[in-house]
């Protein structure tokens, strides 16, 4: 099981909602699931000096290869324009 974690700084709320409305479909195309979406309520430590972020997402794929295929897919690339207006994101895999 591969977890994909995203730390999100929202730039434009309307574009963010449009992105959220479409991204789940692209995740599902590759067997992935959105396990959690939420707002950051408190940061206890930030020793890495990450930029501020307001939201977090957790995706789950059966295999890391499926997550890579999703992230580089044509269907996801079609969302990059709206994503760039909506947010800044750090996305990483954890197993």
PDB file of N, CA and C in Angstrom:
ATOM      1  N   UNK A   1       0.851  -1.173   0.000  1.00  0.00           N
ATOM      2  CA  UNK A   1       0.000   0.000   0.000  1.00  0.00           C
ATOM      3  C   UNK A   1       0.898   1.238   0.000  1.00  0.00           C
ATOM      4  N   UNK A   2       0.575   2.167  -0.838  1.00  0.00           N
ATOM      5  CA  UNK A   2       1.350   3.399  -0.939  1.00  0.00           C
ATOM      6  C   UNK A   2       0.455   4.586  -0.598  1.00  0.00           C
ATOM      7  N   UNK A   3       0.893   5.364   0.358  1.00  0.00           N
ATOM      8  CA  UNK A   3       0.181   6.585   0.753  1.00  0.00           C
ATOM      9  C   UNK A   3       0.829   7.760   0.041  1.00  0.00           C
ATOM     10  N   UNK A   4       0.002   8.662  -0.456  1.00  0.00           N
ATOM     11  CA  UNK A   4       0.470   9.897  -1.067  1.00  0.00           C
ATOM     12  C   UNK A   4      -0.098  11.027  -0.216  1.00  0.00           C
ATOM     13  N   UNK A   5       0.772  11.855   0.308  1.00  0.00           N
ATOM     14  CA  UNK A   5       0.386  12.928   1.210  1.00  0.00           C
ATOM     15  C   UNK A   5       0.637  14.261   0.525  1.00  0.00           C
ATOM     16  N   UNK A   6      -0.332  15.145   0.622  1.00  0.00           N
ATOM     17  CA  UNK A   6      -0.190  16.480   0.058  1.00  0.00           C
ATOM     18  C   UNK A   6      -0.391  17.543   1.118  1.00  0.00           C
ATOM     19  N   UNK A   7       0.525  18.498   1.156  1.00  0.00           N
ATOM     20  CA  UNK A   7       0.417  19.682   2.004  1.00  0.00           C
ATOM     21  C   UNK A   7       0.074  20.841   1.083  1.00  0.00           C
ATOM     22  N   UNK A   8      -0.999  21.543   1.377  1.00  0.00           N
ATOM     23  CA  UNK A   8      -1.583  22.473   0.411  1.00  0.00           C
ATOM     24  C   UNK A   8      -1.716  23.878   0.988  1.00  0.00           C
ATOM     25  N   UNK A   9      -1.229  24.849   0.217  1.00  0.00           N
ATOM     26  CA  UNK A   9      -1.475  26.264   0.510  1.00  0.00           C
ATOM     27  C   UNK A   9      -2.442  26.769  -0.548  1.00  0.00           C
ATOM     28  N   UNK A  10      -3.619  27.154  -0.130  1.00  0.00           N
ATOM     29  CA  UNK A  10      -4.667  27.579  -1.058  1.00  0.00           C
ATOM     30  C   UNK A  10      -4.398  29.012  -1.510  1.00  0.00           C
ATOM     31  N   UNK A  11      -4.404  29.216  -2.827  1.00  0.00           N
ATOM     32  CA  UNK A  11      -4.165  30.526  -3.425  1.00  0.00           C
ATOM     33  C   UNK A  11      -5.487  31.173  -3.835  1.00  0.00           C
ATOM     34  N   UNK A  12      -6.337  30.390  -4.495  1.00  0.00           N
ATOM     35  CA  UNK A  12      -7.604  30.901  -5.023  1.00  0.00           C
ATOM     36  C   UNK A  12      -8.704  29.898  -4.692  1.00  0.00           C
ATOM     37  N   UNK A  13      -9.555  30.184  -3.701  1.00  0.00           N
ATOM     38  CA  UNK A  13     -10.549  29.214  -3.230  1.00  0.00           C
ATOM     39  C   UNK A  13     -11.510  28.685  -4.300  1.00  0.00           C
ATOM     40  N   UNK A  14     -11.944  29.516  -5.229  1.00  0.00           N
ATOM     41  CA  UNK A  14     -12.866  29.042  -6.255  1.00  0.00           C
ATOM     42  C   UNK A  14     -12.184  28.025  -7.164  1.00  0.00           C
ATOM     43  N   UNK A  15     -10.965  28.305  -7.573  1.00  0.00           N
ATOM     44  CA  UNK A  15     -10.203  27.357  -8.392  1.00  0.00           C
ATOM     45  C   UNK A  15      -9.898  26.088  -7.593  1.00  0.00           C
ATOM     46  N   UNK A  16      -9.640  26.236  -6.305  1.00  0.00           N
ATOM     47  CA  UNK A  16      -9.372  25.083  -5.444  1.00  0.00           C
ATOM     48  C   UNK A  16     -10.581  24.149  -5.423  1.00  0.00           C
ATOM     49  N   UNK A  17     -11.777  24.682  -5.290  1.00  0.00           N
ATOM     50  CA  UNK A  17     -12.984  23.849  -5.282  1.00  0.00           C
ATOM     51  C   UNK A  17     -13.192  23.182  -6.640  1.00  0.00           C
ATOM     52  N   UNK A  18     -12.894  23.880  -7.725  1.00  0.00           N
ATOM     53  CA  UNK A  18     -13.004  23.279  -9.059  1.00  0.00           C
ATOM     54  C   UNK A  18     -12.030  22.108  -9.196  1.00  0.00           C
ATOM     55  N   UNK A  19     -10.805  22.294  -8.728  1.00  0.00           N
ATOM     56  CA  UNK A  19      -9.796  21.226  -8.768  1.00  0.00           C
ATOM     57  C   UNK A  19     -10.257  20.028  -7.947  1.00  0.00           C
ATOM     58  N   UNK A  20     -10.711  20.293  -6.724  1.00  0.00           N
ATOM     59  CA  UNK A  20     -11.171  19.207  -5.842  1.00  0.00           C
ATOM     60  C   UNK A  20     -12.317  18.425  -6.471  1.00  0.00           C
ATOM     61  N   UNK A  21     -13.149  19.091  -7.222  1.00  0.00           N
ATOM     62  CA  UNK A  21     -14.270  18.430  -7.878  1.00  0.00           C
ATOM     63  C   UNK A  21     -13.869  17.485  -8.993  1.00  0.00           C
ATOM     64  N   UNK A  22     -12.665  17.634  -9.525  1.00  0.00           N
ATOM     65  CA  UNK A  22     -12.205  16.824 -10.662  1.00  0.00           C
ATOM     66  C   UNK A  22     -11.122  15.818 -10.316  1.00  0.00           C
ATOM     67  N   UNK A  23     -10.297  16.101  -9.343  1.00  0.00           N
ATOM     68  CA  UNK A  23      -9.107  15.280  -9.110  1.00  0.00           C
ATOM     69  C   UNK A  23      -9.446  13.857  -8.679  1.00  0.00           C
ATOM     70  N   UNK A  24     -10.518  13.668  -7.933  1.00  0.00           N
ATOM     71  CA  UNK A  24     -10.878  12.320  -7.483  1.00  0.00           C
ATOM     72  C   UNK A  24     -11.112  11.351  -8.622  1.00  0.00           C
ATOM     73  N   UNK A  25     -11.705  11.844  -9.692  1.00  0.00           N
ATOM     74  CA  UNK A  25     -11.935  11.007 -10.876  1.00  0.00           C
ATOM     75  C   UNK A  25     -10.611  10.506 -11.440  1.00  0.00           C
ATOM     76  N   UNK A  26      -9.600  11.383 -11.498  1.00  0.00           N
ATOM     77  CA  UNK A  26      -8.312  10.969 -12.061  1.00  0.00           C
ATOM     78  C   UNK A  26      -7.607   9.980 -11.141  1.00  0.00           C
ATOM     79  N   UNK A  27      -7.729  10.158  -9.849  1.00  0.00           N
ATOM     80  CA  UNK A  27      -7.141   9.214  -8.889  1.00  0.00           C
ATOM     81  C   UNK A  27      -7.778   7.833  -9.066  1.00  0.00           C
ATOM     82  N   UNK A  28      -9.104   7.791  -9.167  1.00  0.00           N
ATOM     83  CA  UNK A  28      -9.829   6.520  -9.301  1.00  0.00           C
ATOM     84  C   UNK A  28      -9.462   5.781 -10.586  1.00  0.00           C
ATOM     85  N   UNK A  29      -9.131   6.510 -11.654  1.00  0.00           N
ATOM     86  CA  UNK A  29      -8.736   5.871 -12.920  1.00  0.00           C
ATOM     87  C   UNK A  29      -7.541   4.947 -12.742  1.00  0.00           C
ATOM     88  N   UNK A  30      -6.728   5.205 -11.724  1.00  0.00           N
ATOM     89  CA  UNK A  30      -5.508   4.427 -11.497  1.00  0.00           C
ATOM     90  C   UNK A  30      -5.611   3.575 -10.227  1.00  0.00           C
ATOM     91  N   UNK A  31      -6.850   3.318  -9.806  1.00  0.00           N
ATOM     92  CA  UNK A  31      -7.076   2.449  -8.657  1.00  0.00           C
ATOM     93  C   UNK A  31      -6.844   3.109  -7.318  1.00  0.00           C
ATOM     94  N   UNK A  32      -6.682   4.429  -7.316  1.00  0.00           N
ATOM     95  CA  UNK A  32      -6.419   5.142  -6.071  1.00  0.00           C
ATOM     96  C   UNK A  32      -7.693   5.590  -5.385  1.00  0.00           C
ATOM     97  N   UNK A  33      -7.534   5.964  -4.129  1.00  0.00           N
ATOM     98  CA  UNK A  33      -8.645   6.434  -3.314  1.00  0.00           C
ATOM     99  C   UNK A  33      -8.210   7.671  -2.542  1.00  0.00           C
ATOM    100  N   UNK A  34      -9.107   8.612  -2.383  1.00  0.00           N
ATOM    101  CA  UNK A  34      -8.849   9.742  -1.498  1.00  0.00           C
ATOM    102  C   UNK A  34      -9.298   9.305  -0.110  1.00  0.00           C
ATOM    103  N   UNK A  35      -8.359   9.132   0.793  1.00  0.00           N
ATOM    104  CA  UNK A  35      -8.649   8.626   2.134  1.00  0.00           C
ATOM    105  C   UNK A  35      -9.012   9.734   3.108  1.00  0.00           C
ATOM    106  N   UNK A  36      -8.419  10.915   2.915  1.00  0.00           N
ATOM    107  CA  UNK A  36      -8.673  12.001   3.859  1.00  0.00           C
ATOM    108  C   UNK A  36      -8.431  13.335   3.177  1.00  0.00           C
ATOM    109  N   UNK A  37      -9.303  14.280   3.448  1.00  0.00           N
ATOM    110  CA  UNK A  37      -9.126  15.684   3.071  1.00  0.00           C
ATOM    111  C   UNK A  37      -9.470  16.483   4.312  1.00  0.00           C
ATOM    112  N   UNK A  38      -8.650  17.452   4.637  1.00  0.00           N
ATOM    113  CA  UNK A  38      -8.982  18.251   5.803  1.00  0.00           C
ATOM    114  C   UNK A  38      -8.198  19.542   5.869  1.00  0.00           C
ATOM    115  N   UNK A  39      -8.597  20.351   6.824  1.00  0.00           N
ATOM    116  CA  UNK A  39      -7.925  21.624   7.094  1.00  0.00           C
ATOM    117  C   UNK A  39      -6.898  21.423   8.201  1.00  0.00           C
ATOM    118  N   UNK A  40      -5.801  22.120   8.101  1.00  0.00           N
ATOM    119  CA  UNK A  40      -4.787  22.083   9.152  1.00  0.00           C
ATOM    120  C   UNK A  40      -5.285  22.962  10.290  1.00  0.00           C
ATOM    121  N   UNK A  41      -5.369  22.391  11.467  1.00  0.00           N
ATOM    122  CA  UNK A  41      -5.869  23.142  12.616  1.00  0.00           C
ATOM    123  C   UNK A  41      -4.749  23.649  13.516  1.00  0.00           C
ATOM    124  N   UNK A  42      -3.597  22.980  13.485  1.00  0.00           N
ATOM    125  CA  UNK A  42      -2.474  23.419  14.310  1.00  0.00           C
ATOM    126  C   UNK A  42      -1.197  22.755  13.822  1.00  0.00           C
ATOM    127  N   UNK A  43      -0.109  23.503  13.780  1.00  0.00           N
ATOM    128  CA  UNK A  43       1.214  22.965  13.465  1.00  0.00           C
ATOM    129  C   UNK A  43       2.010  22.959  14.759  1.00  0.00           C
ATOM    130  N   UNK A  44       2.480  21.801  15.171  1.00  0.00           N
ATOM    131  CA  UNK A  44       3.223  21.693  16.422  1.00  0.00           C
ATOM    132  C   UNK A  44       4.704  21.990  16.230  1.00  0.00           C
ATOM    133  N   UNK A  45       5.281  21.521  15.123  1.00  0.00           N
ATOM    134  CA  UNK A  45       6.675  21.808  14.795  1.00  0.00           C
ATOM    135  C   UNK A  45       6.795  22.035  13.302  1.00  0.00           C
ATOM    136  N   UNK A  46       7.713  22.905  12.913  1.00  0.00           N
ATOM    137  CA  UNK A  46       8.027  23.115  11.503  1.00  0.00           C
ATOM    138  C   UNK A  46       9.525  23.338  11.394  1.00  0.00           C
ATOM    139  N   UNK A  47      10.275  22.363  11.824  1.00  0.00           N
ATOM    140  CA  UNK A  47      11.737  22.473  11.825  1.00  0.00           C
ATOM    141  C   UNK A  47      12.335  22.443  10.425  1.00  0.00           C
ATOM    142  N   UNK A  48      11.575  22.006   9.431  1.00  0.00           N
ATOM    143  CA  UNK A  48      12.049  22.019   8.048  1.00  0.00           C
ATOM    144  C   UNK A  48      11.809  23.361   7.379  1.00  0.00           C
ATOM    145  N   UNK A  49      11.075  24.237   8.031  1.00  0.00           N
ATOM    146  CA  UNK A  49      10.812  25.552   7.466  1.00  0.00           C
ATOM    147  C   UNK A  49       9.887  25.518   6.272  1.00  0.00           C
ATOM    148  N   UNK A  50       8.933  24.593   6.254  1.00  0.00           N
ATOM    149  CA  UNK A  50       7.966  24.529   5.155  1.00  0.00           C
ATOM    150  C   UNK A  50       7.165  25.819   5.100  1.00  0.00           C
ATOM    151  N   UNK A  51       6.808  26.230   3.892  1.00  0.00           N
ATOM    152  CA  UNK A  51       5.882  27.352   3.762  1.00  0.00           C
ATOM    153  C   UNK A  51       4.583  26.982   4.452  1.00  0.00           C
ATOM    154  N   UNK A  52       3.837  27.978   4.848  1.00  0.00           N
ATOM    155  CA  UNK A  52       2.567  27.715   5.503  1.00  0.00           C
ATOM    156  C   UNK A  52       1.610  26.954   4.597  1.00  0.00           C
ATOM    157  N   UNK A  53       0.801  26.098   5.179  1.00  0.00           N
ATOM    158  CA  UNK A  53      -0.213  25.378   4.422  1.00  0.00           C
ATOM    159  C   UNK A  53      -1.472  25.276   5.274  1.00  0.00           C
ATOM    160  N   UNK A  54      -2.627  25.258   4.569  1.00  0.00           N
ATOM    161  CA  UNK A  54      -3.917  25.253   5.257  1.00  0.00           C
ATOM    162  C   UNK A  54      -4.656  23.936   5.145  1.00  0.00           C
ATOM    163  N   UNK A  55      -4.280  23.093   4.213  1.00  0.00           N
ATOM    164  CA  UNK A  55      -5.037  21.872   3.968  1.00  0.00           C
ATOM    165  C   UNK A  55      -4.086  20.702   3.753  1.00  0.00           C
ATOM    166  N   UNK A  56      -4.641  19.519   3.927  1.00  0.00           N
ATOM    167  CA  UNK A  56      -3.875  18.290   3.733  1.00  0.00           C
ATOM    168  C   UNK A  56      -4.772  17.274   3.029  1.00  0.00           C
ATOM    169  N   UNK A  57      -4.154  16.414   2.227  1.00  0.00           N
ATOM    170  CA  UNK A  57      -4.874  15.338   1.565  1.00  0.00           C
ATOM    171  C   UNK A  57      -4.052  14.061   1.693  1.00  0.00           C
ATOM    172  N   UNK A  58      -4.743  12.951   1.814  1.00  0.00           N
ATOM    173  CA  UNK A  58      -4.091  11.642   1.825  1.00  0.00           C
ATOM    174  C   UNK A  58      -4.756  10.777   0.759  1.00  0.00           C
ATOM    175  N   UNK A  59      -3.947  10.324  -0.183  1.00  0.00           N
ATOM    176  CA  UNK A  59      -4.394   9.399  -1.216  1.00  0.00           C
ATOM    177  C   UNK A  59      -3.798   8.034  -0.908  1.00  0.00           C
ATOM    178  N   UNK A  60      -4.426   7.000  -1.442  1.00  0.00           N
ATOM    179  CA  UNK A  60      -3.912   5.648  -1.243  1.00  0.00           C
ATOM    180  C   UNK A  60      -3.995   4.902  -2.560  1.00  0.00           C
ATOM    181  N   UNK A  61      -2.894   4.265  -2.923  1.00  0.00           N
ATOM    182  CA  UNK A  61      -2.816   3.418  -4.107  1.00  0.00           C
ATOM    183  C   UNK A  61      -2.293   2.055  -3.680  1.00  0.00           C
ATOM    184  N   UNK A  62      -2.682   1.017  -4.405  1.00  0.00           N
ATOM    185  CA  UNK A  62      -2.201  -0.322  -4.072  1.00  0.00           C
ATOM    186  C   UNK A  62      -0.687  -0.429  -4.243  1.00  0.00           C
ATOM    187  N   UNK A  63      -0.175   0.259  -5.267  1.00  0.00           N
ATOM    188  CA  UNK A  63       1.261   0.188  -5.548  1.00  0.00           C
ATOM    189  C   UNK A  63       1.793   1.582  -5.864  1.00  0.00           C
ATOM    190  N   UNK A  64       3.041   1.819  -5.544  1.00  0.00           N
ATOM    191  CA  UNK A  64       3.675   3.094  -5.853  1.00  0.00           C
ATOM    192  C   UNK A  64       3.671   3.350  -7.360  1.00  0.00           C
ATOM    193  N   UNK A  65       3.798   2.289  -8.149  1.00  0.00           N
ATOM    194  CA  UNK A  65       3.781   2.435  -9.603  1.00  0.00           C
ATOM    195  C   UNK A  65       2.450   3.017 -10.089  1.00  0.00           C
ATOM    196  N   UNK A  66       1.348   2.647  -9.417  1.00  0.00           N
ATOM    197  CA  UNK A  66       0.040   3.191  -9.785  1.00  0.00           C
ATOM    198  C   UNK A  66      -0.024   4.694  -9.479  1.00  0.00           C
ATOM    199  N   UNK A  67       0.562   5.086  -8.351  1.00  0.00           N
ATOM    200  CA  UNK A  67       0.596   6.506  -7.993  1.00  0.00           C
ATOM    201  C   UNK A  67       1.421   7.294  -9.003  1.00  0.00           C
ATOM    202  N   UNK A  68       2.557   6.740  -9.405  1.00  0.00           N
ATOM    203  CA  UNK A  68       3.391   7.403 -10.420  1.00  0.00           C
ATOM    204  C   UNK A  68       2.638   7.538 -11.744  1.00  0.00           C
ATOM    205  N   UNK A  69       1.946   6.471 -12.128  1.00  0.00           N
ATOM    206  CA  UNK A  69       1.185   6.504 -13.379  1.00  0.00           C
ATOM    207  C   UNK A  69       0.107   7.584 -13.312  1.00  0.00           C
ATOM    208  N   UNK A  70      -0.564   7.718 -12.169  1.00  0.00           N
ATOM    209  CA  UNK A  70      -1.575   8.766 -11.999  1.00  0.00           C
ATOM    210  C   UNK A  70      -0.935  10.151 -12.119  1.00  0.00           C
ATOM    211  N   UNK A  71       0.156  10.376 -11.394  1.00  0.00           N
ATOM    212  CA  UNK A  71       0.771  11.703 -11.333  1.00  0.00           C
ATOM    213  C   UNK A  71       1.294  12.173 -12.681  1.00  0.00           C
ATOM    214  N   UNK A  72       1.622  11.235 -13.555  1.00  0.00           N
ATOM    215  CA  UNK A  72       2.174  11.597 -14.863  1.00  0.00           C
ATOM    216  C   UNK A  72       1.176  11.380 -15.998  1.00  0.00           C
ATOM    217  N   UNK A  73      -0.072  11.049 -15.649  1.00  0.00           N
ATOM    218  CA  UNK A  73      -1.074  10.719 -16.670  1.00  0.00           C
ATOM    219  C   UNK A  73      -1.565  11.959 -17.407  1.00  0.00           C
ATOM    220  N   UNK A  74      -2.078  11.723 -18.596  1.00  0.00           N
ATOM    221  CA  UNK A  74      -2.671  12.791 -19.394  1.00  0.00           C
ATOM    222  C   UNK A  74      -3.907  13.361 -18.695  1.00  0.00           C
ATOM    223  N   UNK A  75      -4.714  12.500 -18.088  1.00  0.00           N
ATOM    224  CA  UNK A  75      -5.936  12.993 -17.431  1.00  0.00           C
ATOM    225  C   UNK A  75      -5.591  13.914 -16.263  1.00  0.00           C
ATOM    226  N   UNK A  76      -4.518  13.608 -15.527  1.00  0.00           N
ATOM    227  CA  UNK A  76      -4.133  14.504 -14.438  1.00  0.00           C
ATOM    228  C   UNK A  76      -3.480  15.777 -14.981  1.00  0.00           C
ATOM    229  N   UNK A  77      -2.668  15.641 -16.013  1.00  0.00           N
ATOM    230  CA  UNK A  77      -2.019  16.832 -16.598  1.00  0.00           C
ATOM    231  C   UNK A  77      -3.030  17.868 -17.046  1.00  0.00           C
ATOM    232  N   UNK A  78      -4.219  17.430 -17.437  1.00  0.00           N
ATOM    233  CA  UNK A  78      -5.264  18.371 -17.852  1.00  0.00           C
ATOM    234  C   UNK A  78      -5.719  19.262 -16.697  1.00  0.00           C
ATOM    235  N   UNK A  79      -5.450  18.855 -15.457  1.00  0.00           N
ATOM    236  CA  UNK A  79      -5.832  19.646 -14.284  1.00  0.00           C
ATOM    237  C   UNK A  79      -4.738  20.601 -13.813  1.00  0.00           C
ATOM    238  N   UNK A  80      -3.564  20.541 -14.407  1.00  0.00           N
ATOM    239  CA  UNK A  80      -2.440  21.334 -13.918  1.00  0.00           C
ATOM    240  C   UNK A  80      -2.675  22.835 -14.012  1.00  0.00           C
ATOM    241  N   UNK A  81      -3.374  23.275 -15.038  1.00  0.00           N
ATOM    242  CA  UNK A  81      -3.627  24.713 -15.182  1.00  0.00           C
ATOM    243  C   UNK A  81      -4.497  25.211 -14.030  1.00  0.00           C
ATOM    244  N   UNK A  82      -5.568  24.510 -13.733  1.00  0.00           N
ATOM    245  CA  UNK A  82      -6.423  24.936 -12.623  1.00  0.00           C
ATOM    246  C   UNK A  82      -5.706  24.745 -11.286  1.00  0.00           C
ATOM    247  N   UNK A  83      -4.910  23.678 -11.162  1.00  0.00           N
ATOM    248  CA  UNK A  83      -4.149  23.475  -9.922  1.00  0.00           C
ATOM    249  C   UNK A  83      -3.195  24.631  -9.663  1.00  0.00           C
ATOM    250  N   UNK A  84      -2.538  25.110 -10.709  1.00  0.00           N
ATOM    251  CA  UNK A  84      -1.571  26.198 -10.522  1.00  0.00           C
ATOM    252  C   UNK A  84      -2.250  27.492 -10.099  1.00  0.00           C
ATOM    253  N   UNK A  85      -3.501  27.697 -10.499  1.00  0.00           N
ATOM    254  CA  UNK A  85      -4.257  28.858 -10.028  1.00  0.00           C
ATOM    255  C   UNK A  85      -4.780  28.651  -8.611  1.00  0.00           C
ATOM    256  N   UNK A  86      -5.063  27.418  -8.271  1.00  0.00           N
ATOM    257  CA  UNK A  86      -5.743  27.098  -7.014  1.00  0.00           C
ATOM    258  C   UNK A  86      -4.827  27.046  -5.805  1.00  0.00           C
ATOM    259  N   UNK A  87      -3.618  26.506  -5.982  1.00  0.00           N
ATOM    260  CA  UNK A  87      -2.825  26.171  -4.806  1.00  0.00           C
ATOM    261  C   UNK A  87      -1.343  26.030  -5.109  1.00  0.00           C
ATOM    262  N   UNK A  88      -0.592  25.930  -4.041  1.00  0.00           N
ATOM    263  CA  UNK A  88       0.785  25.446  -4.075  1.00  0.00           C
ATOM    264  C   UNK A  88       0.758  24.166  -3.248  1.00  0.00           C
ATOM    265  N   UNK A  89       1.422  23.126  -3.731  1.00  0.00           N
ATOM    266  CA  UNK A  89       1.303  21.831  -3.068  1.00  0.00           C
ATOM    267  C   UNK A  89       2.659  21.134  -2.998  1.00  0.00           C
ATOM    268  N   UNK A  90       2.900  20.473  -1.895  1.00  0.00           N
ATOM    269  CA  UNK A  90       3.996  19.523  -1.769  1.00  0.00           C
ATOM    270  C   UNK A  90       3.345  18.154  -1.670  1.00  0.00           C
ATOM    271  N   UNK A  91       3.693  17.271  -2.588  1.00  0.00           N
ATOM    272  CA  UNK A  91       3.076  15.949  -2.659  1.00  0.00           C
ATOM    273  C   UNK A  91       4.176  14.907  -2.576  1.00  0.00           C
ATOM    274  N   UNK A  92       4.028  13.928  -1.658  1.00  0.00           N
ATOM    275  CA  UNK A  92       5.066  12.921  -1.510  1.00  0.00           C
ATOM    276  C   UNK A  92       4.466  11.564  -1.181  1.00  0.00           C
ATOM    277  N   UNK A  93       5.226  10.513  -1.507  1.00  0.00           N
ATOM    278  CA  UNK A  93       4.796   9.152  -1.227  1.00  0.00           C
ATOM    279  C   UNK A  93       5.418   8.665   0.077  1.00  0.00           C
ATOM    280  N   UNK A  94       4.661   7.852   0.784  1.00  0.00           N
ATOM    281  CA  UNK A  94       5.141   7.229   2.022  1.00  0.00           C
ATOM    282  C   UNK A  94       4.650   5.801   2.057  1.00  0.00           C
ATOM    283  N   UNK A  95       5.510   4.910   2.455  1.00  0.00           N
ATOM    284  CA  UNK A  95       5.130   3.487   2.582  1.00  0.00           C
ATOM    285  C   UNK A  95       5.555   2.966   3.926  1.00  0.00           C
TER     286      UNK A  95
END
